[in-house]
Amino acid sequence: MSENTDERQTARLEYWRRNIKVIGILLAIWATVSLVLGILLGPALNQVASIGGYPLGFFIAQQGSIYVFLALIFFYAWYMNRLDREFGVEE
């Protein structure tokens, strides 16, 4: 009985470890795109190129970060569905 409980506890810890790891990676991507590219490097990117008539830094800050954020949400949903199936906790 104790062995089964230990296995479940180990599986739970692994599930949350992997969940927190992917959340950290996705937050780092989001922060990089929205803060670093959109704000800190925005003026430099404005000098490089333009998209749709708007300077690149402005576009990334206003639209690009939203597109990346939506892509991250869809990736997280897909990843968590896969992880849930792997650990047998799917809906």
C-alpha atoms as a PDB file:
ATOM      1  CA  MET A   1       0.000   0.000   0.000  1.00  0.00           C
ATOM      2  CA  SER A   2       2.770   2.418   0.881  1.00  0.00           C
ATOM      3  CA  GLU A   3       4.519   1.654  -2.399  1.00  0.00           C
ATOM      4  CA  ASN A   4       1.434   2.652  -4.415  1.00  0.00           C
ATOM      5  CA  THR A   5       1.089   5.859  -2.402  1.00  0.00           C
ATOM      6  CA  ASP A   6       4.767   6.673  -3.003  1.00  0.00           C
ATOM      7  CA  GLU A   7       4.327   6.132  -6.758  1.00  0.00           C
ATOM      8  CA  ARG A   8       1.314   8.438  -6.854  1.00  0.00           C
ATOM      9  CA  GLN A   9       3.141  11.089  -4.855  1.00  0.00           C
ATOM     10  CA  THR A  10       6.150  10.833  -7.175  1.00  0.00           C
ATOM     11  CA  ALA A  11       3.871  11.123 -10.229  1.00  0.00           C
ATOM     12  CA  ARG A  12       2.153  14.166  -8.710  1.00  0.00           C
ATOM     13  CA  LEU A  13       5.462  15.866  -8.022  1.00  0.00           C
ATOM     14  CA  GLU A  14       6.708  15.135 -11.556  1.00  0.00           C
ATOM     15  CA  TYR A  15       3.460  16.470 -13.045  1.00  0.00           C
ATOM     16  CA  TRP A  16       3.775  19.758 -11.151  1.00  0.00           C
ATOM     17  CA  ARG A  17       7.503  20.017 -11.793  1.00  0.00           C
ATOM     18  CA  ARG A  18       6.896  19.793 -15.537  1.00  0.00           C
ATOM     19  CA  ASN A  19       3.916  22.178 -15.322  1.00  0.00           C
ATOM     20  CA  ILE A  20       5.925  24.813 -13.452  1.00  0.00           C
ATOM     21  CA  LYS A  21       8.859  24.364 -15.846  1.00  0.00           C
ATOM     22  CA  VAL A  22       6.731  25.056 -18.936  1.00  0.00           C
ATOM     23  CA  ILE A  23       5.072  28.021 -17.215  1.00  0.00           C
ATOM     24  CA  GLY A  24       8.502  29.480 -16.460  1.00  0.00           C
ATOM     25  CA  ILE A  25       9.679  29.039 -20.033  1.00  0.00           C
ATOM     26  CA  LEU A  26       6.514  30.587 -21.473  1.00  0.00           C
ATOM     27  CA  LEU A  27       6.701  33.529 -19.066  1.00  0.00           C
ATOM     28  CA  ALA A  28      10.325  34.105 -20.070  1.00  0.00           C
ATOM     29  CA  ILE A  29       9.323  34.143 -23.757  1.00  0.00           C
ATOM     30  CA  TRP A  30       6.460  36.531 -23.031  1.00  0.00           C
ATOM     31  CA  ALA A  31       8.695  38.871 -20.999  1.00  0.00           C
ATOM     32  CA  THR A  32      11.382  38.828 -23.676  1.00  0.00           C
ATOM     33  CA  VAL A  33       8.987  39.718 -26.470  1.00  0.00           C
ATOM     34  CA  SER A  34       6.890  42.273 -24.631  1.00  0.00           C
ATOM     35  CA  LEU A  35       9.473  43.942 -22.413  1.00  0.00           C
ATOM     36  CA  VAL A  36      12.828  43.483 -24.104  1.00  0.00           C
ATOM     37  CA  LEU A  37      11.836  43.651 -27.777  1.00  0.00           C
ATOM     38  CA  GLY A  38       8.829  45.923 -27.390  1.00  0.00           C
ATOM     39  CA  ILE A  39      10.164  48.442 -24.884  1.00  0.00           C
ATOM     40  CA  LEU A  40      13.916  48.233 -24.329  1.00  0.00           C
ATOM     41  CA  LEU A  41      14.925  47.516 -27.926  1.00  0.00           C
ATOM     42  CA  GLY A  42      11.927  49.253 -29.490  1.00  0.00           C
ATOM     43  CA  PRO A  43      13.755  52.434 -30.534  1.00  0.00           C
ATOM     44  CA  ALA A  44      16.591  50.412 -32.098  1.00  0.00           C
ATOM     45  CA  LEU A  45      14.124  48.142 -33.925  1.00  0.00           C
ATOM     46  CA  ASN A  46      12.315  51.222 -35.253  1.00  0.00           C
ATOM     47  CA  GLN A  47      15.472  52.072 -37.193  1.00  0.00           C
ATOM     48  CA  VAL A  48      15.806  48.555 -38.666  1.00  0.00           C
ATOM     49  CA  ALA A  49      12.549  47.864 -40.472  1.00  0.00           C
ATOM     50  CA  SER A  50       8.830  48.500 -40.684  1.00  0.00           C
ATOM     51  CA  ILE A  51       5.774  46.259 -40.984  1.00  0.00           C
ATOM     52  CA  GLY A  52       2.649  47.548 -42.674  1.00  0.00           C
ATOM     53  CA  GLY A  53       4.022  51.076 -42.621  1.00  0.00           C
ATOM     54  CA  TYR A  54       4.674  51.020 -38.863  1.00  0.00           C
ATOM     55  CA  PRO A  55       8.149  50.944 -37.324  1.00  0.00           C
ATOM     56  CA  LEU A  56       9.166  47.419 -36.209  1.00  0.00           C
ATOM     57  CA  GLY A  57       9.559  48.317 -32.508  1.00  0.00           C
ATOM     58  CA  PHE A  58       6.117  49.912 -32.417  1.00  0.00           C
ATOM     59  CA  PHE A  59       4.572  46.936 -34.206  1.00  0.00           C
ATOM     60  CA  ILE A  60       6.128  44.433 -31.793  1.00  0.00           C
ATOM     61  CA  ALA A  61       5.037  46.467 -28.763  1.00  0.00           C
ATOM     62  CA  GLN A  62       1.463  46.926 -30.011  1.00  0.00           C
ATOM     63  CA  GLN A  63       0.620  43.845 -32.074  1.00  0.00           C
ATOM     64  CA  GLY A  64       3.494  41.362 -32.064  1.00  0.00           C
ATOM     65  CA  SER A  65       3.443  40.827 -28.318  1.00  0.00           C
ATOM     66  CA  ILE A  66      -0.302  40.095 -28.467  1.00  0.00           C
ATOM     67  CA  TYR A  67       0.215  37.524 -31.236  1.00  0.00           C
ATOM     68  CA  VAL A  68       3.006  35.882 -29.265  1.00  0.00           C
ATOM     69  CA  PHE A  69       0.856  35.874 -26.120  1.00  0.00           C
ATOM     70  CA  LEU A  70      -1.994  34.155 -27.973  1.00  0.00           C
ATOM     71  CA  ALA A  71       0.413  31.586 -29.418  1.00  0.00           C
ATOM     72  CA  LEU A  72       1.734  30.909 -25.913  1.00  0.00           C
ATOM     73  CA  ILE A  73      -1.806  30.374 -24.607  1.00  0.00           C
ATOM     74  CA  PHE A  74      -2.594  27.868 -27.356  1.00  0.00           C
ATOM     75  CA  PHE A  75       0.733  26.082 -26.837  1.00  0.00           C
ATOM     76  CA  TYR A  76       0.134  25.861 -23.074  1.00  0.00           C
ATOM     77  CA  ALA A  77      -3.356  24.409 -23.581  1.00  0.00           C
ATOM     78  CA  TRP A  78      -2.005  21.834 -26.047  1.00  0.00           C
ATOM     79  CA  TYR A  79       0.937  20.945 -23.798  1.00  0.00           C
ATOM     80  CA  MET A  80      -1.202  20.585 -20.672  1.00  0.00           C
ATOM     81  CA  ASN A  81      -3.721  18.370 -22.479  1.00  0.00           C
ATOM     82  CA  ARG A  82      -0.837  16.131 -23.534  1.00  0.00           C
ATOM     83  CA  LEU A  83       0.633  16.156 -20.015  1.00  0.00           C
ATOM     84  CA  ASP A  84      -2.763  15.393 -18.486  1.00  0.00           C
ATOM     85  CA  ARG A  85      -3.158  12.362 -20.762  1.00  0.00           C
ATOM     86  CA  GLU A  86       0.354  11.193 -19.933  1.00  0.00           C
ATOM     87  CA  PHE A  87      -0.352  11.284 -16.186  1.00  0.00           C
ATOM     88  CA  GLY A  88      -3.946  10.034 -16.464  1.00  0.00           C
ATOM     89  CA  VAL A  89      -5.628  13.172 -15.120  1.00  0.00           C
ATOM     90  CA  GLU A  90      -7.390  14.320 -18.285  1.00  0.00           C
ATOM     91  CA  GLU A  91     -10.921  15.636 -18.136  1.00  0.00           C
END
